[in-house]
PDB file of N, CA and C in Angstrom:
ATOM      1  N   MET A   1      87.922  97.501  89.170  1.00  0.00           N
ATOM      2  CA  MET A   1      87.334  98.562  89.947  1.00  0.00           C
ATOM      3  C   MET A   1      87.966  99.885  89.530  1.00  0.00           C
ATOM      4  N   VAL A   2      87.174 100.928  89.527  1.00  0.00           N
ATOM      5  CA  VAL A   2      87.696 102.259  89.211  1.00  0.00           C
ATOM      6  C   VAL A   2      88.489 102.753  90.420  1.00  0.00           C
ATOM      7  N   VAL A   3      89.718 103.129  90.186  1.00  0.00           N
ATOM      8  CA  VAL A   3      90.593 103.633  91.245  1.00  0.00           C
ATOM      9  C   VAL A   3      90.567 105.154  91.250  1.00  0.00           C
ATOM     10  N   CYS A   4      90.771 105.747  90.088  1.00  0.00           N
ATOM     11  CA  CYS A   4      90.796 107.210  89.953  1.00  0.00           C
ATOM     12  C   CYS A   4      89.576 107.629  89.145  1.00  0.00           C
ATOM     13  N   HIS A   5      88.609 108.207  89.832  1.00  0.00           N
ATOM     14  CA  HIS A   5      87.388 108.633  89.155  1.00  0.00           C
ATOM     15  C   HIS A   5      87.630 109.873  88.295  1.00  0.00           C
ATOM     16  N   CYS A   6      88.558 110.720  88.701  1.00  0.00           N
ATOM     17  CA  CYS A   6      88.842 111.939  87.931  1.00  0.00           C
ATOM     18  C   CYS A   6      89.370 111.614  86.539  1.00  0.00           C
ATOM     19  N   ARG A   7      90.196 110.575  86.446  1.00  0.00           N
ATOM     20  CA  ARG A   7      90.826 110.209  85.173  1.00  0.00           C
ATOM     21  C   ARG A   7      90.283 108.900  84.594  1.00  0.00           C
ATOM     22  N   ALA A   8      89.307 108.287  85.270  1.00  0.00           N
ATOM     23  CA  ALA A   8      88.701 107.022  84.845  1.00  0.00           C
ATOM     24  C   ALA A   8      89.766 105.939  84.649  1.00  0.00           C
ATOM     25  N   ILE A   9      90.613 105.780  85.667  1.00  0.00           N
ATOM     26  CA  ILE A   9      91.676 104.772  85.649  1.00  0.00           C
ATOM     27  C   ILE A   9      91.266 103.639  86.567  1.00  0.00           C
ATOM     28  N   ASN A  10      91.335 102.408  86.053  1.00  0.00           N
ATOM     29  CA  ASN A  10      90.962 101.262  86.889  1.00  0.00           C
ATOM     30  C   ASN A  10      92.196 100.521  87.405  1.00  0.00           C
ATOM     31  N   ASP A  11      91.951  99.576  88.291  1.00  0.00           N
ATOM     32  CA  ASP A  11      93.049  98.826  88.899  1.00  0.00           C
ATOM     33  C   ASP A  11      93.816  98.006  87.874  1.00  0.00           C
ATOM     34  N   ALA A  12      93.133  97.507  86.847  1.00  0.00           N
ATOM     35  CA  ALA A  12      93.820  96.716  85.819  1.00  0.00           C
ATOM     36  C   ALA A  12      94.845  97.568  85.078  1.00  0.00           C
ATOM     37  N   SER A  13      94.500  98.812  84.800  1.00  0.00           N
ATOM     38  CA  SER A  13      95.440  99.709  84.121  1.00  0.00           C
ATOM     39  C   SER A  13      96.673  99.969  84.978  1.00  0.00           C
ATOM     40  N   ILE A  14      96.465 100.170  86.255  1.00  0.00           N
ATOM     41  CA  ILE A  14      97.594 100.413  87.158  1.00  0.00           C
ATOM     42  C   ILE A  14      98.428  99.156  87.306  1.00  0.00           C
ATOM     43  N   ASN A  15      97.778  98.011  87.422  1.00  0.00           N
ATOM     44  CA  ASN A  15      98.517  96.750  87.534  1.00  0.00           C
ATOM     45  C   ASN A  15      99.361  96.482  86.290  1.00  0.00           C
ATOM     46  N   GLU A  16      98.856  96.844  85.120  1.00  0.00           N
ATOM     47  CA  GLU A  16      99.634  96.686  83.885  1.00  0.00           C
ATOM     48  C   GLU A  16     100.902  97.524  83.918  1.00  0.00           C
ATOM     49  N   LEU A  17     100.810  98.719  84.484  1.00  0.00           N
ATOM     50  CA  LEU A  17     101.990  99.581  84.588  1.00  0.00           C
ATOM     51  C   LEU A  17     103.053  98.971  85.502  1.00  0.00           C
ATOM     52  N   MET A  18     102.614  98.202  86.489  1.00  0.00           N
ATOM     53  CA  MET A  18     103.538  97.656  87.486  1.00  0.00           C
ATOM     54  C   MET A  18     104.209  96.363  87.053  1.00  0.00           C
ATOM     55  N   VAL A  19     103.883  95.850  85.882  1.00  0.00           N
ATOM     56  CA  VAL A  19     104.463  94.599  85.418  1.00  0.00           C
ATOM     57  C   VAL A  19     105.985  94.700  85.313  1.00  0.00           C
ATOM     58  N   GLY A  20     106.487  95.857  84.923  1.00  0.00           N
ATOM     59  CA  GLY A  20     107.922  96.037  84.733  1.00  0.00           C
ATOM     60  C   GLY A  20     108.717  96.180  86.022  1.00  0.00           C
ATOM     61  N   GLY A  21     108.058  96.338  87.128  1.00  0.00           N
ATOM     62  CA  GLY A  21     108.773  96.482  88.401  1.00  0.00           C
ATOM     63  C   GLY A  21     108.088  97.480  89.319  1.00  0.00           C
ATOM     64  N   ARG A  22     108.717  97.719  90.453  1.00  0.00           N
ATOM     65  CA  ARG A  22     108.168  98.605  91.487  1.00  0.00           C
ATOM     66  C   ARG A  22     108.086 100.039  90.987  1.00  0.00           C
ATOM     67  N   LEU A  23     106.922 100.651  91.169  1.00  0.00           N
ATOM     68  CA  LEU A  23     106.696 102.036  90.808  1.00  0.00           C
ATOM     69  C   LEU A  23     106.334 102.837  92.047  1.00  0.00           C
ATOM     70  N   THR A  24     106.425 104.132  91.941  1.00  0.00           N
ATOM     71  CA  THR A  24     106.007 105.032  93.008  1.00  0.00           C
ATOM     72  C   THR A  24     104.698 105.699  92.614  1.00  0.00           C
ATOM     73  N   LEU A  25     104.117 106.423  93.558  1.00  0.00           N
ATOM     74  CA  LEU A  25     102.915 107.187  93.239  1.00  0.00           C
ATOM     75  C   LEU A  25     103.201 108.187  92.126  1.00  0.00           C
ATOM     76  N   ASP A  26     104.368 108.806  92.159  1.00  0.00           N
ATOM     77  CA  ASP A  26     104.734 109.755  91.102  1.00  0.00           C
ATOM     78  C   ASP A  26     104.837 109.068  89.745  1.00  0.00           C
ATOM     79  N   ASP A  27     105.389 107.857  89.722  1.00  0.00           N
ATOM     80  CA  ASP A  27     105.476 107.106  88.468  1.00  0.00           C
ATOM     81  C   ASP A  27     104.087 106.860  87.888  1.00  0.00           C
ATOM     82  N   ILE A  28     103.166 106.434  88.740  1.00  0.00           N
ATOM     83  CA  ILE A  28     101.796 106.169  88.299  1.00  0.00           C
ATOM     84  C   ILE A  28     101.175 107.456  87.753  1.00  0.00           C
ATOM     85  N   ALA A  29     101.335 108.559  88.476  1.00  0.00           N
ATOM     86  CA  ALA A  29     100.778 109.842  88.037  1.00  0.00           C
ATOM     87  C   ALA A  29     101.361 110.255  86.694  1.00  0.00           C
ATOM     88  N   ASN A  30     102.651 110.056  86.516  1.00  0.00           N
ATOM     89  CA  ASN A  30     103.295 110.438  85.259  1.00  0.00           C
ATOM     90  C   ASN A  30     102.852 109.573  84.090  1.00  0.00           C
ATOM     91  N   HIS A  31     102.557 108.315  84.343  1.00  0.00           N
ATOM     92  CA  HIS A  31     102.164 107.397  83.263  1.00  0.00           C
ATOM     93  C   HIS A  31     100.704 107.535  82.860  1.00  0.00           C
ATOM     94  N   CYS A  32      99.807 107.691  83.844  1.00  0.00           N
ATOM     95  CA  CYS A  32      98.387 107.681  83.491  1.00  0.00           C
ATOM     96  C   CYS A  32      97.581 108.827  84.082  1.00  0.00           C
ATOM     97  N   GLY A  33      98.178 109.633  84.944  1.00  0.00           N
ATOM     98  CA  GLY A  33      97.480 110.777  85.514  1.00  0.00           C
ATOM     99  C   GLY A  33      96.715 110.485  86.793  1.00  0.00           C
ATOM    100  N   ALA A  34      96.641 109.239  87.201  1.00  0.00           N
ATOM    101  CA  ALA A  34      95.920 108.911  88.432  1.00  0.00           C
ATOM    102  C   ALA A  34      96.608 109.561  89.630  1.00  0.00           C
ATOM    103  N   GLY A  35      95.825 110.175  90.484  1.00  0.00           N
ATOM    104  CA  GLY A  35      96.340 110.765  91.710  1.00  0.00           C
ATOM    105  C   GLY A  35      96.735 112.217  91.624  1.00  0.00           C
ATOM    106  N   ILE A  36      96.618 112.833  90.448  1.00  0.00           N
ATOM    107  CA  ILE A  36      97.077 114.218  90.354  1.00  0.00           C
ATOM    108  C   ILE A  36      95.956 115.253  90.444  1.00  0.00           C
ATOM    109  N   ASP A  37      94.720 114.822  90.445  1.00  0.00           N
ATOM    110  CA  ASP A  37      93.628 115.789  90.528  1.00  0.00           C
ATOM    111  C   ASP A  37      93.175 115.971  91.978  1.00  0.00           C
ATOM    112  N   CYS A  38      92.213 115.236  92.432  1.00  0.00           N
ATOM    113  CA  CYS A  38      91.679 115.444  93.783  1.00  0.00           C
ATOM    114  C   CYS A  38      92.457 114.703  94.862  1.00  0.00           C
ATOM    115  N   GLY A  39      93.178 113.642  94.483  1.00  0.00           N
ATOM    116  CA  GLY A  39      93.956 112.875  95.456  1.00  0.00           C
ATOM    117  C   GLY A  39      93.166 111.816  96.206  1.00  0.00           C
ATOM    118  N   GLY A  40      91.898 111.685  95.894  1.00  0.00           N
ATOM    119  CA  GLY A  40      91.068 110.711  96.593  1.00  0.00           C
ATOM    120  C   GLY A  40      91.462 109.265  96.360  1.00  0.00           C
ATOM    121  N   CYS A  41      92.247 109.013  95.337  1.00  0.00           N
ATOM    122  CA  CYS A  41      92.628 107.644  94.990  1.00  0.00           C
ATOM    123  C   CYS A  41      94.021 107.261  95.497  1.00  0.00           C
ATOM    124  N   LEU A  42      94.720 108.187  96.126  1.00  0.00           N
ATOM    125  CA  LEU A  42      96.105 107.926  96.519  1.00  0.00           C
ATOM    126  C   LEU A  42      96.244 106.729  97.458  1.00  0.00           C
ATOM    127  N   ASP A  43      95.341 106.594  98.417  1.00  0.00           N
ATOM    128  CA  ASP A  43      95.409 105.447  99.334  1.00  0.00           C
ATOM    129  C   ASP A  43      95.214 104.132  98.591  1.00  0.00           C
ATOM    130  N   THR A  44      94.295 104.108  97.644  1.00  0.00           N
ATOM    131  CA  THR A  44      94.042 102.885  96.878  1.00  0.00           C
ATOM    132  C   THR A  44      95.234 102.552  95.988  1.00  0.00           C
ATOM    133  N   ILE A  45      95.820 103.568  95.362  1.00  0.00           N
ATOM    134  CA  ILE A  45      97.006 103.335  94.532  1.00  0.00           C
ATOM    135  C   ILE A  45      98.141 102.796  95.396  1.00  0.00           C
ATOM    136  N   GLU A  46      98.321 103.364  96.565  1.00  0.00           N
ATOM    137  CA  GLU A  46      99.366 102.888  97.484  1.00  0.00           C
ATOM    138  C   GLU A  46      99.107 101.439  97.878  1.00  0.00           C
ATOM    139  N   ASP A  47      97.852 101.074  98.108  1.00  0.00           N
ATOM    140  CA  ASP A  47      97.507  99.680  98.426  1.00  0.00           C
ATOM    141  C   ASP A  47      97.862  98.751  97.267  1.00  0.00           C
ATOM    142  N   LEU A  48      97.586  99.187  96.045  1.00  0.00           N
ATOM    143  CA  LEU A  48      97.931  98.375  94.873  1.00  0.00           C
ATOM    144  C   LEU A  48      99.448  98.216  94.747  1.00  0.00           C
ATOM    145  N   LEU A  49     100.180  99.294  94.992  1.00  0.00           N
ATOM    146  CA  LEU A  49     101.641  99.232  94.940  1.00  0.00           C
ATOM    147  C   LEU A  49     102.189  98.292  96.007  1.00  0.00           C
ATOM    148  N   ASP A  50     101.644  98.378  97.220  1.00  0.00           N
ATOM    149  CA  ASP A  50     102.092  97.494  98.304  1.00  0.00           C
ATOM    150  C   ASP A  50     101.773  96.045  98.000  1.00  0.00           C
ATOM    151  N   ALA A  51     100.601  95.779  97.448  1.00  0.00           N
ATOM    152  CA  ALA A  51     100.218  94.405  97.110  1.00  0.00           C
ATOM    153  C   ALA A  51     101.133  93.833  96.045  1.00  0.00           C
ATOM    154  N   ALA A  52     101.464  94.634  95.051  1.00  0.00           N
ATOM    155  CA  ALA A  52     102.377  94.172  94.002  1.00  0.00           C
ATOM    156  C   ALA A  52     103.777  93.914  94.554  1.00  0.00           C
ATOM    157  N   ASP A  53     104.205  94.778  95.470  1.00  0.00           N
ATOM    158  CA  ASP A  53     105.515  94.620  96.093  1.00  0.00           C
ATOM    159  C   ASP A  53     105.568  93.342  96.931  1.00  0.00           C
ATOM    160  N   SER A  54     104.493  93.095  97.683  1.00  0.00           N
ATOM    161  CA  SER A  54     104.418  91.882  98.515  1.00  0.00           C
ATOM    162  C   SER A  54     104.394  90.627  97.656  1.00  0.00           C
ATOM    163  N   ALA A  55     103.692  90.676  96.547  1.00  0.00           N
ATOM    164  CA  ALA A  55     103.581  89.513  95.664  1.00  0.00           C
ATOM    165  C   ALA A  55     104.903  89.193  94.994  1.00  0.00           C
ATOM    166  N   SER A  56     105.749  90.194  94.827  1.00  0.00           N
ATOM    167  CA  SER A  56     107.021  89.968  94.137  1.00  0.00           C
ATOM    168  C   SER A  56     108.122  89.458  95.070  1.00  0.00           C
ATOM    169  N   ARG A  57     107.871  89.523  96.381  1.00  0.00           N
ATOM    170  CA  ARG A  57     108.866  89.017  97.339  1.00  0.00           C
ATOM    171  C   ARG A  57     108.785  87.493  97.421  1.00  0.00           C
ATOM    172  N   PRO A  58     109.927  86.834  97.538  1.00  0.00           N
ATOM    173  CA  PRO A  58     109.889  85.372  97.714  1.00  0.00           C
ATOM    174  C   PRO A  58     109.275  85.009  99.071  1.00  0.00           C
ATOM    175  N   ALA A  59     108.592  83.895  99.090  1.00  0.00           N
ATOM    176  CA  ALA A  59     107.980  83.408 100.333  1.00  0.00           C
ATOM    177  C   ALA A  59     109.075  83.011 101.307  1.00  0.00           C
ATOM    178  N   ALA A  60     108.831  83.324 102.571  1.00  0.00           N
ATOM    179  CA  ALA A  60     109.834  83.002 103.603  1.00  0.00           C
ATOM    180  C   ALA A  60     109.652  81.605 104.130  1.00  0.00           C
TER     181      ALA A  60
END
């Protein structure tokens, strides 16, 4: 799915960036530019970051 329409960045591209570990919104913006134009994708990027963070935690 397209996450950032301004920069044509999809969720797969953002997920690839997160393989190395937890990133911030600023990290994502610095790597691919998502979130720095209109900001309409910031909530979706945050959801992707939270999902990756949750997936990396061990099950309780």
